[in-house]
Amino acid sequence: MIGAIVFSYLADREGRKRWFLVTLLLYLAATVLSAFSWNFWSFLCFRFLAGAGIGGEYSAINSAIDELIPARTRGQTALAINGSWWVGTAAGALISIPLLDSDIVPEWLGWRLCFGLGGILGLGILLVRRLVPESPRWLMTHGRLQEAEAIVTTIEEQVRKDKRVDVLPEPVGNMTIHTNTQVTFKTVVRQLVKIYPKRAILGVTLMVTQSALYNAIFFTYPLVLTKFSGVSSSQVGLYLVPFAIGNFLGPLLLGRFFDTIGRKLMIAFTYATSGLLLACTGYLFWQGYLTAVTQTLAWSIIFFFASAGASAAYLTVSEVFPLEIRARAIAVFFVVGQGSGVLAHRLFSMLIQESPTSVFYGDLVGAALMLLGAIVAMVFGVKAEQKPLEALAGPISAAK
């Protein structure tokens, strides 16, 4: 959460590209260093740094995605990129199976190799990100017009080449902006509370409900498997693979509908569907009808929809506020969401220690939260599909 606040400020002030590279590098370095921890406190320190990198990552990369991707495919692209996190989760789960098996790798070494390999594999993403340009929108608002024009020209040349045309349609509309407008914390609060209060309510609700669901279910899933299904801790990774696949396929396959059917209806649909399915699965678990395999299959289906909804929550808070505060707006909602997620994780962990009945009650709470998110999406949702960012929230620096 600290990383989200600090790096979002820097991303709004100094540019998207620099900080989505720095945050990823920080996360990877801290993850590798975790493998060399010499005691609990050193391990805690390295994980804190990794968490700071992840927090900053959400703000910087989601800002960049929205400002670079065409409006007609912004939803589908954003959901696919956010959902791709689960590809790494699946890979990590597979790697952990032999490494955490003490019959294959010594216990003191296995977990260290998991962290080390995880960080090293992420270097490929860092190399790819170096090719992503800075946001032309951010460059223009900071007076760097020649750089912005050069990036746009390069993109246009590629589009002309791909479409095999000589001339592209002229942009629709124009806007005059003042460069280097000073944006303070007071400005951010005013935009969220006074200018866009309904959108703030929408953002808080979507982020809190999805974060509570993920932190309550996903991060306690290994405990459910080992305590109630008798799965060995060394084999938990095997059950996380289909779970991660479901989380990845949801945003990938449903993403295009957020640009066609629309944000409002699709967010409500994915939230409501995942909530209802969670309640049904919780009941089946309570009655003892589910095994480790069928429980995993059921939750994979639930999070097929929940993952698309959660990715759309990040998309929503990143596209409905002005450019100058975009990264910080994402950070505010991320922090609120993660804070609620911590409480949900704690509550669900306590319920697991009791009985299947208490787990079912926890599932009902999670289901109710997702249904609440669906209702708020229908009431306060923004029809942002296929609209340019400036049509959704004009820049603060725009001439009045």
Protein backbone atom coordinates (compact mmCIF):
# COMPACT_ATOMS: atom_id res chain seq x y z
CA MET A 1 0.00 0.00 0.00
CA ILE A 2 2.90 2.35 0.74
CA GLY A 3 4.39 1.51 -2.63
CA ALA A 4 1.11 2.35 -4.36
CA ILE A 5 0.95 5.81 -2.77
CA VAL A 6 4.62 6.71 -3.35
CA PHE A 7 5.00 5.39 -6.88
CA SER A 8 1.62 6.70 -8.04
CA TYR A 9 2.73 10.20 -7.08
CA LEU A 10 5.94 9.72 -9.04
CA ALA A 11 4.10 8.22 -12.04
CA ASP A 12 1.80 11.26 -12.22
CA ARG A 13 4.68 13.65 -11.75
CA GLU A 14 7.56 12.10 -13.70
CA GLY A 15 5.92 9.79 -16.23
CA ARG A 16 4.46 6.31 -16.58
CA LYS A 17 7.27 4.48 -18.33
CA ARG A 18 10.08 5.18 -15.88
CA TRP A 19 8.07 4.01 -12.93
CA PHE A 20 6.44 0.92 -14.43
CA LEU A 21 10.00 -0.20 -15.14
CA VAL A 22 11.31 0.76 -11.70
CA THR A 23 8.44 -0.89 -9.83
CA LEU A 24 8.83 -4.15 -11.75
CA LEU A 25 12.59 -4.11 -11.22
CA LEU A 26 12.09 -3.49 -7.50
CA TYR A 27 9.65 -6.41 -7.26
CA LEU A 28 11.95 -8.79 -9.13
CA ALA A 29 15.05 -7.76 -7.17
CA ALA A 30 13.26 -8.08 -3.82
CA THR A 31 11.88 -11.48 -4.82
CA VAL A 32 15.33 -12.80 -5.71
CA LEU A 33 16.78 -11.33 -2.51
CA SER A 34 14.08 -13.15 -0.52
CA ALA A 35 15.80 -16.37 -1.56
CA PHE A 36 18.90 -15.21 0.35
CA SER A 37 17.11 -14.22 3.56
CA TRP A 38 19.16 -15.12 6.64
CA ASN A 39 16.43 -14.69 9.25
CA PHE A 40 12.78 -13.77 9.66
CA TRP A 41 13.38 -10.00 9.70
CA SER A 42 15.46 -9.98 6.54
CA PHE A 43 12.78 -12.06 4.81
CA LEU A 44 10.10 -9.63 6.03
CA CYS A 45 12.12 -6.67 4.74
CA PHE A 46 12.54 -8.16 1.27
CA ARG A 47 8.85 -9.09 1.06
CA PHE A 48 7.96 -5.54 2.10
CA LEU A 49 10.03 -4.21 -0.79
CA ALA A 50 8.42 -6.70 -3.17
CA GLY A 51 5.00 -5.57 -1.98
CA ALA A 52 5.97 -1.94 -2.54
CA GLY A 53 6.89 -2.83 -6.10
CA ILE A 54 3.56 -4.57 -6.71
CA GLY A 55 1.62 -1.63 -5.27
CA GLY A 56 3.43 0.85 -7.50
CA GLU A 57 3.06 -1.51 -10.43
CA TYR A 58 -0.73 -1.34 -10.43
CA SER A 59 -0.76 2.45 -10.59
CA ALA A 60 1.92 2.94 -13.22
CA ILE A 61 1.08 0.16 -15.65
CA ASN A 62 -2.71 0.65 -15.60
CA SER A 63 -2.22 4.36 -16.27
CA ALA A 64 0.05 3.57 -19.21
CA ILE A 65 -2.34 0.98 -20.68
CA ASP A 66 -5.32 3.32 -20.67
CA GLU A 67 -3.39 6.19 -22.21
CA LEU A 68 -1.82 4.13 -25.01
CA ILE A 69 -4.59 1.76 -26.13
CA PRO A 70 -7.33 2.89 -28.59
CA ALA A 71 -10.73 3.46 -27.01
CA ARG A 72 -12.44 0.75 -29.06
CA THR A 73 -10.28 -2.02 -27.52
CA ARG A 74 -9.21 -0.45 -24.24
CA GLY A 75 -11.38 -2.73 -22.11
CA GLN A 76 -10.35 -5.97 -23.76
CA THR A 77 -6.66 -5.05 -23.68
CA ALA A 78 -6.67 -3.89 -20.07
CA LEU A 79 -8.47 -7.01 -18.87
CA ALA A 80 -6.11 -9.32 -20.78
CA ILE A 81 -3.02 -7.61 -19.37
CA ASN A 82 -4.34 -7.62 -15.81
CA GLY A 83 -5.41 -11.25 -16.19
CA SER A 84 -1.96 -12.26 -17.45
CA TRP A 85 -0.74 -12.06 -13.83
CA TRP A 86 -2.30 -15.49 -13.40
CA VAL A 87 -0.05 -17.01 -16.05
CA GLY A 88 2.85 -16.33 -13.71
CA THR A 89 0.83 -17.73 -10.81
CA ALA A 90 0.24 -20.98 -12.71
CA ALA A 91 3.92 -21.23 -13.64
CA GLY A 92 4.94 -20.56 -10.05
CA ALA A 93 2.52 -23.20 -8.78
CA LEU A 94 3.97 -25.79 -11.15
CA ILE A 95 7.53 -24.93 -10.20
CA SER A 96 6.70 -25.19 -6.51
CA ILE A 97 5.49 -28.80 -6.75
CA PRO A 98 8.92 -30.47 -7.07
CA LEU A 99 10.81 -27.72 -5.24
CA LEU A 100 8.65 -27.95 -2.11
CA ASP A 101 8.76 -31.74 -2.04
CA SER A 102 11.33 -32.56 0.65
CA ASP A 103 11.91 -35.98 -0.94
CA ILE A 104 13.29 -34.22 -4.02
CA VAL A 105 14.80 -30.97 -2.73
CA PRO A 106 15.93 -30.29 0.85
CA GLU A 107 13.41 -28.18 2.74
CA TRP A 108 15.90 -25.39 3.50
CA LEU A 109 16.67 -25.04 -0.23
CA GLY A 110 13.31 -25.61 -1.94
CA TRP A 111 11.55 -22.43 -0.88
CA ARG A 112 14.65 -20.37 -1.70
CA LEU A 113 14.71 -21.76 -5.22
CA CYS A 114 11.03 -20.86 -5.64
CA PHE A 115 11.73 -17.22 -4.91
CA GLY A 116 14.94 -17.12 -6.91
CA LEU A 117 13.50 -18.72 -10.03
CA GLY A 118 10.34 -16.63 -9.81
CA GLY A 119 12.33 -13.41 -9.84
CA ILE A 120 14.61 -14.53 -12.65
CA LEU A 121 11.73 -15.63 -14.90
CA GLY A 122 10.23 -12.15 -14.57
CA LEU A 123 13.24 -10.58 -16.27
CA GLY A 124 11.69 -11.41 -19.64
CA ILE A 125 8.74 -9.13 -18.82
CA LEU A 126 11.16 -6.34 -17.93
CA LEU A 127 12.85 -6.62 -21.33
CA VAL A 128 9.49 -6.46 -23.12
CA ARG A 129 8.39 -3.41 -21.14
CA ARG A 130 11.42 -1.46 -22.28
CA LEU A 131 9.75 -1.37 -25.71
CA VAL A 132 6.59 0.30 -24.40
CA PRO A 133 6.67 4.06 -25.08
CA GLU A 134 5.86 6.83 -22.66
CA SER A 135 2.26 8.06 -22.65
CA PRO A 136 1.88 10.83 -25.28
CA ARG A 137 -0.97 12.22 -23.21
CA TRP A 138 1.30 12.59 -20.17
CA LEU A 139 4.08 14.09 -22.29
CA MET A 140 1.75 16.75 -23.73
CA THR A 141 0.49 17.88 -20.33
CA HIS A 142 4.10 18.30 -19.24
CA GLY A 143 5.18 20.41 -22.20
CA ARG A 144 7.17 17.68 -23.98
CA LEU A 145 5.33 18.09 -27.27
CA GLN A 146 8.07 16.93 -29.64
CA GLU A 147 8.44 13.62 -27.79
CA ALA A 148 4.68 13.11 -27.79
CA GLU A 149 4.46 13.90 -31.52
CA ALA A 150 7.31 11.49 -32.31
CA ILE A 151 5.60 8.62 -30.46
CA VAL A 152 2.22 9.29 -32.11
CA THR A 153 3.88 9.50 -35.54
CA THR A 154 5.56 6.12 -34.98
CA ILE A 155 2.26 4.55 -33.94
CA GLU A 156 0.44 6.05 -36.94
CA GLU A 157 3.09 4.76 -39.34
CA GLN A 158 2.66 1.25 -37.94
CA VAL A 159 -1.14 1.48 -38.23
CA ARG A 160 -0.90 2.66 -41.85
CA LYS A 161 1.43 -0.23 -42.60
CA ASP A 162 -0.84 -2.79 -40.92
CA LYS A 163 -3.98 -1.46 -42.64
CA ARG A 164 -2.18 -0.86 -45.95
CA VAL A 165 -3.48 2.68 -46.32
CA ASP A 166 -1.70 5.93 -47.11
CA VAL A 167 -3.82 8.28 -45.01
CA LEU A 168 -5.55 7.81 -41.66
CA PRO A 169 -8.79 9.60 -40.68
CA GLU A 170 -8.36 12.95 -39.02
CA PRO A 171 -8.78 12.99 -35.20
CA VAL A 172 -12.25 13.98 -34.02
CA GLY A 173 -12.33 17.11 -31.88
CA ASN A 174 -9.56 19.18 -30.33
CA MET A 175 -8.59 20.51 -26.95
CA THR A 176 -6.36 23.24 -25.56
CA ILE A 177 -4.39 22.43 -22.45
CA HIS A 178 -2.07 24.30 -20.13
CA THR A 179 1.21 22.48 -19.60
CA ASN A 180 2.83 21.69 -16.25
CA THR A 181 -0.32 22.29 -14.21
CA GLN A 182 0.42 21.82 -10.50
CA VAL A 183 -1.67 19.04 -8.97
CA THR A 184 -1.58 18.74 -5.20
CA PHE A 185 -3.04 16.20 -2.79
CA LYS A 186 -5.85 18.68 -2.21
CA THR A 187 -6.59 18.59 -5.95
CA VAL A 188 -6.81 14.80 -5.88
CA VAL A 189 -9.22 14.83 -2.93
CA ARG A 190 -11.36 17.52 -4.57
CA GLN A 191 -11.64 15.54 -7.81
CA LEU A 192 -12.61 12.34 -6.01
CA VAL A 193 -14.96 13.81 -3.41
CA LYS A 194 -16.47 16.90 -5.00
CA ILE A 195 -16.20 16.58 -8.78
CA TYR A 196 -16.73 12.83 -9.18
CA PRO A 197 -18.33 11.55 -5.93
CA LYS A 198 -20.49 8.88 -7.62
CA ARG A 199 -17.48 7.51 -9.44
CA ALA A 200 -15.57 7.45 -6.17
CA ILE A 201 -18.35 5.41 -4.56
CA LEU A 202 -18.28 3.07 -7.56
CA GLY A 203 -14.49 2.68 -7.38
CA VAL A 204 -14.43 2.05 -3.63
CA THR A 205 -17.23 -0.51 -3.82
CA LEU A 206 -15.77 -2.45 -6.75
CA MET A 207 -12.27 -2.52 -5.28
CA VAL A 208 -13.33 -3.39 -1.73
CA THR A 209 -15.67 -6.20 -2.74
CA GLN A 210 -13.30 -7.90 -5.20
CA SER A 211 -10.33 -7.52 -2.86
CA ALA A 212 -12.29 -9.00 0.03
CA LEU A 213 -13.28 -11.96 -2.17
CA TYR A 214 -9.76 -12.65 -3.39
CA ASN A 215 -8.04 -12.21 -0.06
CA ALA A 216 -10.65 -14.30 1.74
CA ILE A 217 -10.80 -17.16 -0.76
CA PHE A 218 -7.61 -17.36 -2.80
CA PHE A 219 -5.10 -16.70 -0.07
CA THR A 220 -6.75 -19.16 2.32
CA TYR A 221 -7.37 -21.83 -0.32
CA PRO A 222 -4.27 -23.85 0.64
CA LEU A 223 -5.57 -23.99 4.23
CA VAL A 224 -8.93 -25.31 3.06
CA LEU A 225 -7.23 -28.01 0.98
CA THR A 226 -4.91 -29.17 3.74
CA LYS A 227 -7.37 -28.92 6.65
CA PHE A 228 -10.59 -30.25 5.13
CA SER A 229 -9.51 -32.22 2.06
CA GLY A 230 -6.33 -33.83 3.39
CA VAL A 231 -4.11 -32.49 0.59
CA SER A 232 -0.39 -32.53 1.35
CA SER A 233 1.14 -29.05 1.57
CA SER A 234 3.72 -30.05 -1.06
CA GLN A 235 0.90 -30.84 -3.52
CA VAL A 236 -1.12 -27.64 -3.02
CA GLY A 237 0.54 -26.07 -6.06
CA LEU A 238 -1.02 -28.70 -8.30
CA TYR A 239 -4.51 -27.58 -7.27
CA LEU A 240 -3.65 -23.90 -7.78
CA VAL A 241 -2.86 -24.44 -11.48
CA PRO A 242 -6.48 -24.89 -12.71
CA PHE A 243 -7.53 -22.11 -10.34
CA ALA A 244 -4.99 -19.78 -11.97
CA ILE A 245 -6.04 -20.90 -15.46
CA GLY A 246 -9.65 -20.00 -14.69
CA ASN A 247 -8.54 -16.58 -13.46
CA PHE A 248 -6.57 -16.02 -16.66
CA LEU A 249 -9.19 -17.25 -19.12
CA GLY A 250 -11.99 -15.13 -17.62
CA PRO A 251 -10.53 -11.70 -18.54
CA LEU A 252 -9.12 -13.08 -21.79
CA LEU A 253 -12.39 -14.53 -23.11
CA LEU A 254 -14.87 -12.10 -21.58
CA GLY A 255 -12.80 -8.94 -22.14
CA ARG A 256 -14.18 -8.08 -25.58
CA PHE A 257 -17.71 -7.94 -24.19
CA PHE A 258 -16.68 -5.05 -21.93
CA ASP A 259 -16.10 -3.07 -25.15
CA THR A 260 -19.25 -4.27 -26.95
CA ILE A 261 -21.99 -5.03 -24.44
CA GLY A 262 -20.49 -2.40 -22.16
CA ARG A 263 -18.71 -1.88 -18.85
CA LYS A 264 -21.80 -1.33 -16.72
CA LEU A 265 -23.68 -4.50 -17.66
CA MET A 266 -20.62 -6.74 -17.82
CA ILE A 267 -19.26 -5.65 -14.44
CA ALA A 268 -22.66 -6.22 -12.86
CA PHE A 269 -22.94 -9.61 -14.61
CA THR A 270 -19.50 -10.89 -13.58
CA TYR A 271 -19.86 -9.70 -9.99
CA ALA A 272 -23.36 -11.12 -9.58
CA THR A 273 -22.52 -14.43 -11.26
CA SER A 274 -19.41 -15.01 -9.14
CA GLY A 275 -21.37 -14.10 -5.99
CA LEU A 276 -24.21 -16.52 -6.71
CA LEU A 277 -21.82 -19.31 -7.67
CA LEU A 278 -19.82 -18.75 -4.48
CA ALA A 279 -22.94 -19.12 -2.36
CA CYS A 280 -23.87 -22.37 -4.15
CA THR A 281 -20.34 -23.75 -3.83
CA GLY A 282 -20.22 -22.82 -0.16
CA TYR A 283 -23.43 -24.76 0.45
CA LEU A 284 -22.10 -27.85 -1.36
CA PHE A 285 -18.89 -27.65 0.67
CA TRP A 286 -20.87 -27.31 3.91
CA GLN A 287 -22.89 -30.42 3.05
CA GLY A 288 -19.72 -32.39 2.31
CA TYR A 289 -20.42 -32.95 -1.38
CA LEU A 290 -17.10 -31.54 -2.63
CA THR A 291 -13.70 -33.18 -2.83
CA ALA A 292 -10.42 -31.37 -3.37
CA VAL A 293 -10.84 -31.85 -7.13
CA THR A 294 -14.47 -30.74 -7.39
CA GLN A 295 -13.81 -27.84 -4.99
CA THR A 296 -10.98 -26.67 -7.23
CA LEU A 297 -13.15 -27.02 -10.33
CA ALA A 298 -15.99 -25.05 -8.72
CA TRP A 299 -13.72 -22.23 -7.59
CA SER A 300 -12.02 -22.13 -11.00
CA ILE A 301 -15.44 -21.47 -12.55
CA ILE A 302 -16.29 -18.85 -9.93
CA PHE A 303 -13.08 -16.96 -10.48
CA PHE A 304 -13.41 -17.21 -14.26
CA PHE A 305 -16.10 -14.56 -13.78
CA ALA A 306 -14.66 -12.90 -10.66
CA SER A 307 -11.28 -12.32 -12.30
CA ALA A 308 -12.89 -10.54 -15.25
CA GLY A 309 -14.87 -8.40 -12.81
CA ALA A 310 -11.83 -7.63 -10.67
CA SER A 311 -9.78 -6.65 -13.73
CA ALA A 312 -12.66 -4.42 -14.82
CA ALA A 313 -12.60 -2.77 -11.40
CA TYR A 314 -9.00 -1.70 -12.02
CA LEU A 315 -9.98 -0.60 -15.52
CA THR A 316 -12.83 1.49 -14.12
CA VAL A 317 -10.80 3.43 -11.56
CA SER A 318 -8.09 4.03 -14.16
CA GLU A 319 -10.28 5.51 -16.90
CA VAL A 320 -12.95 7.64 -15.20
CA PHE A 321 -10.72 10.26 -13.56
CA PRO A 322 -8.57 13.04 -15.09
CA LEU A 323 -5.19 12.26 -16.60
CA GLU A 324 -3.21 14.32 -14.09
CA ILE A 325 -4.41 12.26 -11.11
CA ARG A 326 -4.91 8.91 -12.85
CA ALA A 327 -2.10 7.00 -11.12
CA ARG A 328 -2.93 8.48 -7.72
CA ALA A 329 -6.63 7.70 -8.14
CA ILE A 330 -5.76 4.08 -8.87
CA ALA A 331 -3.51 4.05 -5.78
CA VAL A 332 -6.24 5.44 -3.50
CA PHE A 333 -8.71 2.73 -4.49
CA PHE A 334 -5.99 0.07 -4.43
CA VAL A 335 -5.08 0.98 -0.86
CA VAL A 336 -8.71 0.99 0.28
CA GLY A 337 -9.29 -2.34 -1.43
CA GLN A 338 -6.19 -3.98 0.01
CA GLY A 339 -7.03 -2.73 3.48
CA SER A 340 -10.42 -4.41 3.32
CA GLY A 341 -8.76 -7.48 1.84
CA VAL A 342 -6.49 -7.82 4.85
CA LEU A 343 -9.50 -7.79 7.16
CA ALA A 344 -11.32 -10.34 4.99
CA HIS A 345 -8.29 -12.61 4.96
CA ARG A 346 -8.02 -12.45 8.72
CA LEU A 347 -11.73 -13.18 9.18
CA PHE A 348 -11.76 -16.11 6.77
CA SER A 349 -8.61 -17.59 8.29
CA MET A 350 -10.37 -17.62 11.66
CA LEU A 351 -13.48 -19.24 10.17
CA ILE A 352 -11.41 -22.03 8.59
CA GLN A 353 -10.11 -22.99 12.00
CA GLU A 354 -13.66 -23.70 13.14
CA SER A 355 -15.74 -25.95 10.87
CA PRO A 356 -17.25 -26.29 7.38
CA THR A 357 -20.29 -24.48 8.71
CA SER A 358 -18.28 -21.37 9.57
CA VAL A 359 -16.55 -21.55 6.16
CA PHE A 360 -19.99 -21.56 4.54
CA TYR A 361 -20.96 -18.44 6.49
CA GLY A 362 -17.78 -16.79 5.24
CA ASP A 363 -18.70 -17.74 1.67
CA LEU A 364 -22.12 -16.17 2.13
CA VAL A 365 -20.50 -12.92 3.27
CA GLY A 366 -18.23 -12.95 0.21
CA ALA A 367 -21.21 -13.66 -2.04
CA ALA A 368 -23.19 -10.81 -0.50
CA LEU A 369 -20.29 -8.40 -1.08
CA MET A 370 -20.06 -9.36 -4.76
CA LEU A 371 -23.80 -8.89 -5.18
CA LEU A 372 -23.45 -5.47 -3.56
CA GLY A 373 -20.75 -4.66 -6.10
CA ALA A 374 -23.10 -5.69 -8.91
CA ILE A 375 -25.88 -3.43 -7.61
CA VAL A 376 -23.56 -0.43 -7.24
CA ALA A 377 -22.21 -1.05 -10.76
CA MET A 378 -25.74 -0.87 -12.16
CA VAL A 379 -26.55 2.31 -10.22
CA PHE A 380 -23.30 4.26 -10.56
CA GLY A 381 -21.57 2.48 -13.44
CA VAL A 382 -20.03 4.56 -16.22
CA LYS A 383 -20.62 3.69 -19.87
CA ALA A 384 -16.98 4.10 -20.79
CA GLU A 385 -16.82 1.60 -23.64
CA GLN A 386 -15.32 2.91 -26.91
CA LYS A 387 -15.04 6.45 -25.57
CA PRO A 388 -11.79 8.44 -25.45
CA LEU A 389 -10.49 9.15 -21.96
CA GLU A 390 -10.97 12.90 -22.42
CA ALA A 391 -14.69 12.33 -23.06
CA LEU A 392 -14.98 10.51 -19.73
CA ALA A 393 -13.03 13.01 -17.61
CA GLY A 394 -11.45 16.09 -19.13
CA PRO A 395 -7.86 16.91 -18.11
CA ILE A 396 -7.54 19.31 -15.18
CA SER A 397 -5.14 21.29 -17.36
CA ALA A 398 -7.70 21.77 -20.15
CA ALA A 399 -8.50 25.39 -20.97
CA LYS A 400 -11.92 26.33 -19.66
